[in-house]
Amino acid sequence: MQILLHVLCTRGSSLRAEIVRDGSVKGFGLEVTEAKRPKRRPGWAKVHSSSGERGALNIEWHANSNTLTCRAVTRASRKTSVVVGNFVNYLLQKHRARINAVLISQR
């Protein structure tokens, strides 16, 4: 099961880069595990739940549209909501001024 998050932001620097640099994500039960890997597009990151829940968020920043696109993937559908909930909570607590809308859809 996949959940897609589209975070529409105001103009500015990469929200993905701000998330990667922010050390307070651990306080929200999240952990940035990867930020760049050779042979992958720049501008992506992977965030896992640090509370032992399964699931990960693949995060990409689209500078032209100022949109943060997140794809949450887990094998157990009931566990996805924990990772997504923690991430949305983090976004609204730490980056509220930059966020215009958060759209969530399921695939």
C-alpha atoms as a PDB file:
ATOM      1  CA  MET A   1       0.000   0.000   0.000  1.00  0.00           C
ATOM      2  CA  GLN A   2       1.209   3.500  -0.803  1.00  0.00           C
ATOM      3  CA  ILE A   3       0.163   6.853   0.558  1.00  0.00           C
ATOM      4  CA  LEU A   4       1.147   9.972  -1.361  1.00  0.00           C
ATOM      5  CA  LEU A   5       1.576  13.335   0.306  1.00  0.00           C
ATOM      6  CA  HIS A   6       1.858  16.528  -1.693  1.00  0.00           C
ATOM      7  CA  VAL A   7       2.886  19.517   0.399  1.00  0.00           C
ATOM      8  CA  LEU A   8       2.364  22.795  -1.441  1.00  0.00           C
ATOM      9  CA  CYS A   9       4.774  25.411  -0.119  1.00  0.00           C
ATOM     10  CA  THR A  10       5.559  29.081  -0.450  1.00  0.00           C
ATOM     11  CA  ARG A  11       8.593  30.109  -2.459  1.00  0.00           C
ATOM     12  CA  GLY A  12      11.919  29.571  -0.807  1.00  0.00           C
ATOM     13  CA  SER A  13      14.685  27.089  -0.275  1.00  0.00           C
ATOM     14  CA  SER A  14      14.204  23.346  -0.500  1.00  0.00           C
ATOM     15  CA  LEU A  15      11.950  22.077   2.268  1.00  0.00           C
ATOM     16  CA  ARG A  16      13.511  18.631   1.802  1.00  0.00           C
ATOM     17  CA  ALA A  17      16.959  20.079   2.558  1.00  0.00           C
ATOM     18  CA  GLU A  18      15.590  21.799   5.666  1.00  0.00           C
ATOM     19  CA  ILE A  19      14.117  18.500   6.883  1.00  0.00           C
ATOM     20  CA  VAL A  20      17.421  16.670   6.327  1.00  0.00           C
ATOM     21  CA  ARG A  21      19.374  19.331   8.261  1.00  0.00           C
ATOM     22  CA  ASP A  22      16.841  19.583  11.104  1.00  0.00           C
ATOM     23  CA  GLY A  23      17.900  17.528  14.106  1.00  0.00           C
ATOM     24  CA  SER A  24      14.498  17.743  15.769  1.00  0.00           C
ATOM     25  CA  VAL A  25      12.897  15.098  13.517  1.00  0.00           C
ATOM     26  CA  LYS A  26      13.933  12.485  16.086  1.00  0.00           C
ATOM     27  CA  GLY A  27      11.617  14.111  18.616  1.00  0.00           C
ATOM     28  CA  PHE A  28       8.708  13.248  16.308  1.00  0.00           C
ATOM     29  CA  GLY A  29       9.565   9.556  16.018  1.00  0.00           C
ATOM     30  CA  LEU A  30      11.339   9.972  12.665  1.00  0.00           C
ATOM     31  CA  GLU A  31      14.885   9.455  11.447  1.00  0.00           C
ATOM     32  CA  VAL A  32      16.525  10.610   8.208  1.00  0.00           C
ATOM     33  CA  THR A  33      18.368   7.512   7.010  1.00  0.00           C
ATOM     34  CA  GLU A  34      19.540   8.585   3.556  1.00  0.00           C
ATOM     35  CA  ALA A  35      19.899  11.936   1.845  1.00  0.00           C
ATOM     36  CA  LYS A  36      21.940  11.265  -1.278  1.00  0.00           C
ATOM     37  CA  ARG A  37      23.185   8.234  -3.105  1.00  0.00           C
ATOM     38  CA  PRO A  38      25.273   8.112  -6.289  1.00  0.00           C
ATOM     39  CA  LYS A  39      23.267   7.419  -9.462  1.00  0.00           C
ATOM     40  CA  ARG A  40      20.050   8.789  -7.919  1.00  0.00           C
ATOM     41  CA  ARG A  41      18.491  12.138  -8.637  1.00  0.00           C
ATOM     42  CA  PRO A  42      19.586  14.874  -6.278  1.00  0.00           C
ATOM     43  CA  GLY A  43      16.870  16.315  -4.140  1.00  0.00           C
ATOM     44  CA  TRP A  44      15.579  13.160  -2.476  1.00  0.00           C
ATOM     45  CA  ALA A  45      15.707  11.744   1.046  1.00  0.00           C
ATOM     46  CA  LYS A  46      14.462   8.708   2.930  1.00  0.00           C
ATOM     47  CA  VAL A  47      12.872   9.015   6.370  1.00  0.00           C
ATOM     48  CA  HIS A  48      12.099   6.012   8.590  1.00  0.00           C
ATOM     49  CA  SER A  49      10.163   5.723  11.811  1.00  0.00           C
ATOM     50  CA  SER A  50      12.567   5.677  14.748  1.00  0.00           C
ATOM     51  CA  SER A  51       9.995   4.153  17.098  1.00  0.00           C
ATOM     52  CA  GLY A  52      10.360   0.681  15.588  1.00  0.00           C
ATOM     53  CA  GLU A  53       7.284   0.924  13.359  1.00  0.00           C
ATOM     54  CA  ARG A  54       7.706  -0.371   9.826  1.00  0.00           C
ATOM     55  CA  GLY A  55       7.578   2.035   6.962  1.00  0.00           C
ATOM     56  CA  ALA A  56       9.518   4.709   5.177  1.00  0.00           C
ATOM     57  CA  LEU A  57       8.897   7.987   3.420  1.00  0.00           C
ATOM     58  CA  ASN A  58      10.654   8.767   0.160  1.00  0.00           C
ATOM     59  CA  ILE A  59      10.806  12.549  -0.106  1.00  0.00           C
ATOM     60  CA  GLU A  60      11.472  14.662  -3.210  1.00  0.00           C
ATOM     61  CA  TRP A  61      11.525  18.445  -3.622  1.00  0.00           C
ATOM     62  CA  HIS A  62      10.247  19.967  -6.869  1.00  0.00           C
ATOM     63  CA  ALA A  63      11.679  23.486  -7.030  1.00  0.00           C
ATOM     64  CA  ASN A  64       9.663  24.663 -10.041  1.00  0.00           C
ATOM     65  CA  SER A  65       6.339  24.124  -8.278  1.00  0.00           C
ATOM     66  CA  ASN A  66       7.601  24.496  -4.668  1.00  0.00           C
ATOM     67  CA  THR A  67       6.106  21.103  -3.867  1.00  0.00           C
ATOM     68  CA  LEU A  68       7.360  18.431  -1.489  1.00  0.00           C
ATOM     69  CA  THR A  69       6.248  14.999  -2.697  1.00  0.00           C
ATOM     70  CA  CYS A  70       6.361  12.122  -0.222  1.00  0.00           C
ATOM     71  CA  ARG A  71       5.618   8.482  -0.908  1.00  0.00           C
ATOM     72  CA  ALA A  72       4.991   6.289   2.139  1.00  0.00           C
ATOM     73  CA  VAL A  73       5.460   2.569   1.662  1.00  0.00           C
ATOM     74  CA  THR A  74       5.018  -0.313   4.111  1.00  0.00           C
ATOM     75  CA  ARG A  75       4.124  -3.950   3.838  1.00  0.00           C
ATOM     76  CA  ALA A  76       1.505  -3.772   6.587  1.00  0.00           C
ATOM     77  CA  SER A  77      -1.211  -1.264   5.684  1.00  0.00           C
ATOM     78  CA  ARG A  78      -2.141  -0.410   9.272  1.00  0.00           C
ATOM     79  CA  LYS A  79       1.412   0.702  10.092  1.00  0.00           C
ATOM     80  CA  THR A  80       1.636   3.299   7.327  1.00  0.00           C
ATOM     81  CA  SER A  81      -0.579   5.710   9.200  1.00  0.00           C
ATOM     82  CA  VAL A  82       1.912   5.987  12.080  1.00  0.00           C
ATOM     83  CA  VAL A  83       4.784   7.124   9.854  1.00  0.00           C
ATOM     84  CA  VAL A  84       2.573   9.491   7.856  1.00  0.00           C
ATOM     85  CA  GLY A  85       0.961  10.893  10.997  1.00  0.00           C
ATOM     86  CA  ASN A  86       4.331  11.562  12.632  1.00  0.00           C
ATOM     87  CA  PHE A  87       5.601  13.268   9.484  1.00  0.00           C
ATOM     88  CA  VAL A  88       2.529  15.488   9.039  1.00  0.00           C
ATOM     89  CA  ASN A  89       2.722  16.407  12.721  1.00  0.00           C
ATOM     90  CA  TYR A  90       6.395  17.348  12.265  1.00  0.00           C
ATOM     91  CA  LEU A  91       5.630  19.460   9.182  1.00  0.00           C
ATOM     92  CA  LEU A  92       2.824  21.374  10.876  1.00  0.00           C
ATOM     93  CA  GLN A  93       4.861  21.956  14.032  1.00  0.00           C
ATOM     94  CA  LYS A  94       8.155  23.003  12.426  1.00  0.00           C
ATOM     95  CA  HIS A  95       7.333  24.358   8.950  1.00  0.00           C
ATOM     96  CA  ARG A  96       3.804  25.764   9.285  1.00  0.00           C
ATOM     97  CA  ALA A  97       4.774  29.158   7.826  1.00  0.00           C
ATOM     98  CA  ARG A  98       5.927  27.548   4.551  1.00  0.00           C
ATOM     99  CA  ILE A  99       2.937  25.221   4.037  1.00  0.00           C
ATOM    100  CA  ASN A 100      -0.058  26.288   1.956  1.00  0.00           C
ATOM    101  CA  ALA A 101      -1.740  22.851   1.690  1.00  0.00           C
ATOM    102  CA  VAL A 102      -1.181  19.170   2.462  1.00  0.00           C
ATOM    103  CA  LEU A 103      -2.870  16.726   0.084  1.00  0.00           C
ATOM    104  CA  ILE A 104      -2.984  13.046   1.025  1.00  0.00           C
ATOM    105  CA  SER A 105      -4.050  10.290  -1.364  1.00  0.00           C
ATOM    106  CA  GLN A 106      -3.885   6.490  -1.350  1.00  0.00           C
ATOM    107  CA  ARG A 107      -2.779   4.208  -4.159  1.00  0.00           C
END
